[in-house]
Amino acid sequence: MMYIGDKVDSKEHEIILALIHQNFSLTATQSFSLIALAEQQRKQAVDCFQFTSLINKEYSLEQKSSIN
């Protein structure tokens, strides 16, 4: 989601790290590793289907509507 606008600035990256840390109770190191893994997956993806299909399969309608 953070690459929708094709650019990610450092402030946006910090906010995302903080949200991951807060919402998933991860350490800063774990949050950073998760972002790095997601970045690797994003670079290898040819489209968004592999990501959106997981959300569609695993999230309820209420959870989907809360994703910003």
PDB file of N, CA and C in Angstrom:
ATOM      1  N   MET A   1       0.825  -1.199   0.000  1.00  0.00           N
ATOM      2  CA  MET A   1       0.000   0.000   0.000  1.00  0.00           C
ATOM      3  C   MET A   1       0.863   1.254   0.000  1.00  0.00           C
ATOM      4  N   MET A   2       2.023   1.187   0.648  1.00  0.00           N
ATOM      5  CA  MET A   2       2.811   2.404   0.745  1.00  0.00           C
ATOM      6  C   MET A   2       3.404   2.819  -0.599  1.00  0.00           C
ATOM      7  N   TYR A   3       3.385   1.946  -1.594  1.00  0.00           N
ATOM      8  CA  TYR A   3       3.939   2.285  -2.901  1.00  0.00           C
ATOM      9  C   TYR A   3       2.880   2.673  -3.919  1.00  0.00           C
ATOM     10  N   ILE A   4       1.661   2.908  -3.477  1.00  0.00           N
ATOM     11  CA  ILE A   4       0.600   3.286  -4.406  1.00  0.00           C
ATOM     12  C   ILE A   4       0.987   4.539  -5.187  1.00  0.00           C
ATOM     13  N   GLY A   5       1.587   5.497  -4.538  1.00  0.00           N
ATOM     14  CA  GLY A   5       2.000   6.724  -5.209  1.00  0.00           C
ATOM     15  C   GLY A   5       3.373   6.631  -5.837  1.00  0.00           C
ATOM     16  N   ASP A   6       3.980   5.460  -5.874  1.00  0.00           N
ATOM     17  CA  ASP A   6       5.304   5.201  -6.442  1.00  0.00           C
ATOM     18  C   ASP A   6       6.463   5.782  -5.641  1.00  0.00           C
ATOM     19  N   LYS A   7       6.197   6.621  -4.684  1.00  0.00           N
ATOM     20  CA  LYS A   7       7.254   7.213  -3.875  1.00  0.00           C
ATOM     21  C   LYS A   7       6.944   7.010  -2.404  1.00  0.00           C
ATOM     22  N   VAL A   8       7.977   6.745  -1.633  1.00  0.00           N
ATOM     23  CA  VAL A   8       7.825   6.639  -0.186  1.00  0.00           C
ATOM     24  C   VAL A   8       8.880   7.539   0.436  1.00  0.00           C
ATOM     25  N   ASP A   9       8.439   8.541   1.184  1.00  0.00           N
ATOM     26  CA  ASP A   9       9.416   9.397   1.837  1.00  0.00           C
ATOM     27  C   ASP A   9       9.752   8.834   3.216  1.00  0.00           C
ATOM     28  N   SER A  10      10.790   9.353   3.827  1.00  0.00           N
ATOM     29  CA  SER A  10      11.272   8.799   5.097  1.00  0.00           C
ATOM     30  C   SER A  10      10.233   8.936   6.211  1.00  0.00           C
ATOM     31  N   LYS A  11       9.479  10.018   6.219  1.00  0.00           N
ATOM     32  CA  LYS A  11       8.450  10.201   7.252  1.00  0.00           C
ATOM     33  C   LYS A  11       7.361   9.138   7.110  1.00  0.00           C
ATOM     34  N   GLU A  12       6.936   8.885   5.897  1.00  0.00           N
ATOM     35  CA  GLU A  12       5.919   7.866   5.647  1.00  0.00           C
ATOM     36  C   GLU A  12       6.431   6.489   6.079  1.00  0.00           C
ATOM     37  N   HIS A  13       7.679   6.206   5.773  1.00  0.00           N
ATOM     38  CA  HIS A  13       8.292   4.929   6.149  1.00  0.00           C
ATOM     39  C   HIS A  13       8.326   4.787   7.672  1.00  0.00           C
ATOM     40  N   GLU A  14       8.676   5.847   8.374  1.00  0.00           N
ATOM     41  CA  GLU A  14       8.702   5.825   9.842  1.00  0.00           C
ATOM     42  C   GLU A  14       7.303   5.568  10.420  1.00  0.00           C
ATOM     43  N   ILE A  15       6.299   6.193   9.839  1.00  0.00           N
ATOM     44  CA  ILE A  15       4.918   6.004  10.307  1.00  0.00           C
ATOM     45  C   ILE A  15       4.496   4.554  10.117  1.00  0.00           C
ATOM     46  N   ILE A  16       4.813   3.992   8.973  1.00  0.00           N
ATOM     47  CA  ILE A  16       4.454   2.605   8.694  1.00  0.00           C
ATOM     48  C   ILE A  16       5.161   1.665   9.655  1.00  0.00           C
ATOM     49  N   LEU A  17       6.443   1.895   9.917  1.00  0.00           N
ATOM     50  CA  LEU A  17       7.161   1.072  10.893  1.00  0.00           C
ATOM     51  C   LEU A  17       6.518   1.158  12.273  1.00  0.00           C
ATOM     52  N   ALA A  18       6.138   2.356  12.671  1.00  0.00           N
ATOM     53  CA  ALA A  18       5.502   2.540  13.978  1.00  0.00           C
ATOM     54  C   ALA A  18       4.153   1.822  14.043  1.00  0.00           C
ATOM     55  N   LEU A  19       3.380   1.891  12.972  1.00  0.00           N
ATOM     56  CA  LEU A  19       2.083   1.206  12.946  1.00  0.00           C
ATOM     57  C   LEU A  19       2.235  -0.307  13.000  1.00  0.00           C
ATOM     58  N   ILE A  20       3.218  -0.828  12.305  1.00  0.00           N
ATOM     59  CA  ILE A  20       3.474  -2.271  12.357  1.00  0.00           C
ATOM     60  C   ILE A  20       3.876  -2.667  13.771  1.00  0.00           C
ATOM     61  N   HIS A  21       4.773  -1.917  14.345  1.00  0.00           N
ATOM     62  CA  HIS A  21       5.236  -2.174  15.716  1.00  0.00           C
ATOM     63  C   HIS A  21       4.052  -2.161  16.687  1.00  0.00           C
ATOM     64  N   GLN A  22       3.214  -1.172  16.562  1.00  0.00           N
ATOM     65  CA  GLN A  22       2.082  -0.977  17.465  1.00  0.00           C
ATOM     66  C   GLN A  22       0.985  -2.029  17.267  1.00  0.00           C
ATOM     67  N   ASN A  23       0.611  -2.282  16.031  1.00  0.00           N
ATOM     68  CA  ASN A  23      -0.516  -3.169  15.752  1.00  0.00           C
ATOM     69  C   ASN A  23      -0.193  -4.650  15.901  1.00  0.00           C
ATOM     70  N   PHE A  24       1.057  -5.010  15.743  1.00  0.00           N
ATOM     71  CA  PHE A  24       1.421  -6.415  15.802  1.00  0.00           C
ATOM     72  C   PHE A  24       2.339  -6.751  16.976  1.00  0.00           C
ATOM     73  N   SER A  25       2.566  -5.781  17.841  1.00  0.00           N
ATOM     74  CA  SER A  25       3.403  -5.963  19.035  1.00  0.00           C
ATOM     75  C   SER A  25       4.772  -6.549  18.688  1.00  0.00           C
ATOM     76  N   LEU A  26       5.383  -6.018  17.648  1.00  0.00           N
ATOM     77  CA  LEU A  26       6.708  -6.457  17.235  1.00  0.00           C
ATOM     78  C   LEU A  26       7.762  -5.486  17.751  1.00  0.00           C
ATOM     79  N   THR A  27       8.972  -5.979  17.874  1.00  0.00           N
ATOM     80  CA  THR A  27      10.081  -5.090  18.220  1.00  0.00           C
ATOM     81  C   THR A  27      10.403  -4.235  17.001  1.00  0.00           C
ATOM     82  N   ALA A  28      11.199  -3.211  17.199  1.00  0.00           N
ATOM     83  CA  ALA A  28      11.606  -2.359  16.079  1.00  0.00           C
ATOM     84  C   ALA A  28      12.369  -3.177  15.043  1.00  0.00           C
ATOM     85  N   THR A  29      13.217  -4.087  15.497  1.00  0.00           N
ATOM     86  CA  THR A  29      13.987  -4.941  14.582  1.00  0.00           C
ATOM     87  C   THR A  29      13.066  -5.861  13.791  1.00  0.00           C
ATOM     88  N   GLN A  30      12.088  -6.448  14.459  1.00  0.00           N
ATOM     89  CA  GLN A  30      11.139  -7.321  13.773  1.00  0.00           C
ATOM     90  C   GLN A  30      10.309  -6.535  12.765  1.00  0.00           C
ATOM     91  N   SER A  31       9.893  -5.341  13.134  1.00  0.00           N
ATOM     92  CA  SER A  31       9.110  -4.493  12.231  1.00  0.00           C
ATOM     93  C   SER A  31       9.925  -4.142  10.994  1.00  0.00           C
ATOM     94  N   PHE A  32      11.183  -3.792  11.190  1.00  0.00           N
ATOM     95  CA  PHE A  32      12.063  -3.460  10.076  1.00  0.00           C
ATOM     96  C   PHE A  32      12.259  -4.669   9.170  1.00  0.00           C
ATOM     97  N   SER A  33      12.445  -5.846   9.760  1.00  0.00           N
ATOM     98  CA  SER A  33      12.623  -7.078   8.982  1.00  0.00           C
ATOM     99  C   SER A  33      11.373  -7.404   8.177  1.00  0.00           C
ATOM    100  N   LEU A  34      10.214  -7.171   8.771  1.00  0.00           N
ATOM    101  CA  LEU A  34       8.953  -7.422   8.075  1.00  0.00           C
ATOM    102  C   LEU A  34       8.821  -6.507   6.864  1.00  0.00           C
ATOM    103  N   ILE A  35       9.170  -5.239   7.030  1.00  0.00           N
ATOM    104  CA  ILE A  35       9.135  -4.290   5.912  1.00  0.00           C
ATOM    105  C   ILE A  35      10.115  -4.723   4.825  1.00  0.00           C
ATOM    106  N   ALA A  36      11.301  -5.169   5.211  1.00  0.00           N
ATOM    107  CA  ALA A  36      12.297  -5.615   4.236  1.00  0.00           C
ATOM    108  C   ALA A  36      11.797  -6.831   3.457  1.00  0.00           C
ATOM    109  N   LEU A  37      11.163  -7.761   4.144  1.00  0.00           N
ATOM    110  CA  LEU A  37      10.605  -8.939   3.486  1.00  0.00           C
ATOM    111  C   LEU A  37       9.485  -8.536   2.530  1.00  0.00           C
ATOM    112  N   ALA A  38       8.628  -7.639   2.967  1.00  0.00           N
ATOM    113  CA  ALA A  38       7.533  -7.165   2.117  1.00  0.00           C
ATOM    114  C   ALA A  38       8.085  -6.458   0.881  1.00  0.00           C
ATOM    115  N   GLU A  39       9.137  -5.693   1.050  1.00  0.00           N
ATOM    116  CA  GLU A  39       9.770  -4.998  -0.072  1.00  0.00           C
ATOM    117  C   GLU A  39      10.327  -6.006  -1.082  1.00  0.00           C
ATOM    118  N   GLN A  40      10.939  -7.048  -0.592  1.00  0.00           N
ATOM    119  CA  GLN A  40      11.471  -8.093  -1.464  1.00  0.00           C
ATOM    120  C   GLN A  40      10.333  -8.757  -2.252  1.00  0.00           C
ATOM    121  N   GLN A  41       9.234  -9.065  -1.570  1.00  0.00           N
ATOM    122  CA  GLN A  41       8.079  -9.664  -2.231  1.00  0.00           C
ATOM    123  C   GLN A  41       7.478  -8.718  -3.268  1.00  0.00           C
ATOM    124  N   ARG A  42       7.410  -7.442  -2.940  1.00  0.00           N
ATOM    125  CA  ARG A  42       6.857  -6.443  -3.866  1.00  0.00           C
ATOM    126  C   ARG A  42       7.691  -6.360  -5.138  1.00  0.00           C
ATOM    127  N   LYS A  43       8.996  -6.395  -5.001  1.00  0.00           N
ATOM    128  CA  LYS A  43       9.879  -6.301  -6.169  1.00  0.00           C
ATOM    129  C   LYS A  43       9.744  -7.516  -7.075  1.00  0.00           C
ATOM    130  N   GLN A  44       9.417  -8.664  -6.510  1.00  0.00           N
ATOM    131  CA  GLN A  44       9.288  -9.885  -7.296  1.00  0.00           C
ATOM    132  C   GLN A  44       7.890 -10.060  -7.896  1.00  0.00           C
ATOM    133  N   ALA A  45       6.937  -9.309  -7.436  1.00  0.00           N
ATOM    134  CA  ALA A  45       5.550  -9.454  -7.889  1.00  0.00           C
ATOM    135  C   ALA A  45       5.367  -8.843  -9.274  1.00  0.00           C
ATOM    136  N   VAL A  46       4.534  -9.487 -10.073  1.00  0.00           N
ATOM    137  CA  VAL A  46       4.215  -8.942 -11.391  1.00  0.00           C
ATOM    138  C   VAL A  46       2.909  -8.145 -11.368  1.00  0.00           C
ATOM    139  N   ASP A  47       2.104  -8.364 -10.336  1.00  0.00           N
ATOM    140  CA  ASP A  47       0.877  -7.601 -10.158  1.00  0.00           C
ATOM    141  C   ASP A  47       0.496  -7.622  -8.677  1.00  0.00           C
ATOM    142  N   CYS A  48      -0.631  -7.039  -8.356  1.00  0.00           N
ATOM    143  CA  CYS A  48      -1.063  -6.949  -6.950  1.00  0.00           C
ATOM    144  C   CYS A  48      -1.938  -8.107  -6.509  1.00  0.00           C
ATOM    145  N   PHE A  49      -2.301  -9.002  -7.434  1.00  0.00           N
ATOM    146  CA  PHE A  49      -3.249 -10.062  -7.118  1.00  0.00           C
ATOM    147  C   PHE A  49      -2.798 -10.932  -5.948  1.00  0.00           C
ATOM    148  N   GLN A  50      -1.516 -11.283  -5.907  1.00  0.00           N
ATOM    149  CA  GLN A  50      -1.057 -12.154  -4.818  1.00  0.00           C
ATOM    150  C   GLN A  50      -1.263 -11.518  -3.448  1.00  0.00           C
ATOM    151  N   PHE A  51      -1.264 -10.211  -3.393  1.00  0.00           N
ATOM    152  CA  PHE A  51      -1.456  -9.513  -2.124  1.00  0.00           C
ATOM    153  C   PHE A  51      -2.945  -9.284  -1.839  1.00  0.00           C
ATOM    154  N   THR A  52      -3.659  -8.790  -2.837  1.00  0.00           N
ATOM    155  CA  THR A  52      -5.073  -8.491  -2.627  1.00  0.00           C
ATOM    156  C   THR A  52      -5.901  -9.751  -2.423  1.00  0.00           C
ATOM    157  N   SER A  53      -5.500 -10.858  -3.044  1.00  0.00           N
ATOM    158  CA  SER A  53      -6.246 -12.100  -2.859  1.00  0.00           C
ATOM    159  C   SER A  53      -6.140 -12.607  -1.426  1.00  0.00           C
ATOM    160  N   LEU A  54      -4.986 -12.383  -0.789  1.00  0.00           N
ATOM    161  CA  LEU A  54      -4.827 -12.765   0.621  1.00  0.00           C
ATOM    162  C   LEU A  54      -5.745 -11.934   1.514  1.00  0.00           C
ATOM    163  N   ILE A  55      -5.809 -10.654   1.234  1.00  0.00           N
ATOM    164  CA  ILE A  55      -6.699  -9.783   2.007  1.00  0.00           C
ATOM    165  C   ILE A  55      -8.143 -10.215   1.801  1.00  0.00           C
ATOM    166  N   ASN A  56      -8.500 -10.466   0.555  1.00  0.00           N
ATOM    167  CA  ASN A  56      -9.873 -10.869   0.252  1.00  0.00           C
ATOM    168  C   ASN A  56     -10.238 -12.185   0.938  1.00  0.00           C
ATOM    169  N   LYS A  57      -9.308 -13.107   0.980  1.00  0.00           N
ATOM    170  CA  LYS A  57      -9.557 -14.425   1.566  1.00  0.00           C
ATOM    171  C   LYS A  57      -9.592 -14.396   3.092  1.00  0.00           C
ATOM    172  N   GLU A  58      -8.710 -13.640   3.709  1.00  0.00           N
ATOM    173  CA  GLU A  58      -8.502 -13.710   5.154  1.00  0.00           C
ATOM    174  C   GLU A  58      -9.228 -12.646   5.976  1.00  0.00           C
ATOM    175  N   TYR A  59      -9.638 -11.561   5.352  1.00  0.00           N
ATOM    176  CA  TYR A  59     -10.236 -10.460   6.104  1.00  0.00           C
ATOM    177  C   TYR A  59     -11.750 -10.444   5.951  1.00  0.00           C
ATOM    178  N   SER A  60     -12.421 -10.045   7.004  1.00  0.00           N
ATOM    179  CA  SER A  60     -13.871  -9.847   6.940  1.00  0.00           C
ATOM    180  C   SER A  60     -14.155  -8.540   6.202  1.00  0.00           C
ATOM    181  N   LEU A  61     -15.415  -8.316   5.851  1.00  0.00           N
ATOM    182  CA  LEU A  61     -15.798  -7.081   5.178  1.00  0.00           C
ATOM    183  C   LEU A  61     -15.450  -5.875   6.040  1.00  0.00           C
ATOM    184  N   GLU A  62     -15.684  -5.989   7.334  1.00  0.00           N
ATOM    185  CA  GLU A  62     -15.366  -4.886   8.247  1.00  0.00           C
ATOM    186  C   GLU A  62     -13.855  -4.614   8.263  1.00  0.00           C
ATOM    187  N   GLN A  63     -13.056  -5.660   8.317  1.00  0.00           N
ATOM    188  CA  GLN A  63     -11.605  -5.487   8.324  1.00  0.00           C
ATOM    189  C   GLN A  63     -11.129  -4.877   7.000  1.00  0.00           C
ATOM    190  N   LYS A  64     -11.698  -5.316   5.900  1.00  0.00           N
ATOM    191  CA  LYS A  64     -11.319  -4.786   4.597  1.00  0.00           C
ATOM    192  C   LYS A  64     -11.624  -3.291   4.515  1.00  0.00           C
ATOM    193  N   SER A  65     -12.774  -2.882   5.026  1.00  0.00           N
ATOM    194  CA  SER A  65     -13.156  -1.475   4.937  1.00  0.00           C
ATOM    195  C   SER A  65     -12.313  -0.590   5.854  1.00  0.00           C
ATOM    196  N   SER A  66     -11.624  -1.172   6.828  1.00  0.00           N
ATOM    197  CA  SER A  66     -10.789  -0.371   7.718  1.00  0.00           C
ATOM    198  C   SER A  66      -9.375  -0.184   7.189  1.00  0.00           C
ATOM    199  N   ILE A  67      -9.022  -0.870   6.109  1.00  0.00           N
ATOM    200  CA  ILE A  67      -7.692  -0.711   5.508  1.00  0.00           C
ATOM    201  C   ILE A  67      -7.648   0.620   4.785  1.00  0.00           C
ATOM    202  N   ASN A  68      -6.664   1.421   5.123  1.00  0.00           N
ATOM    203  CA  ASN A  68      -6.514   2.739   4.467  1.00  0.00           C
ATOM    204  C   ASN A  68      -5.260   2.768   3.670  1.00  0.00           C
TER     205      ASN A  68
END
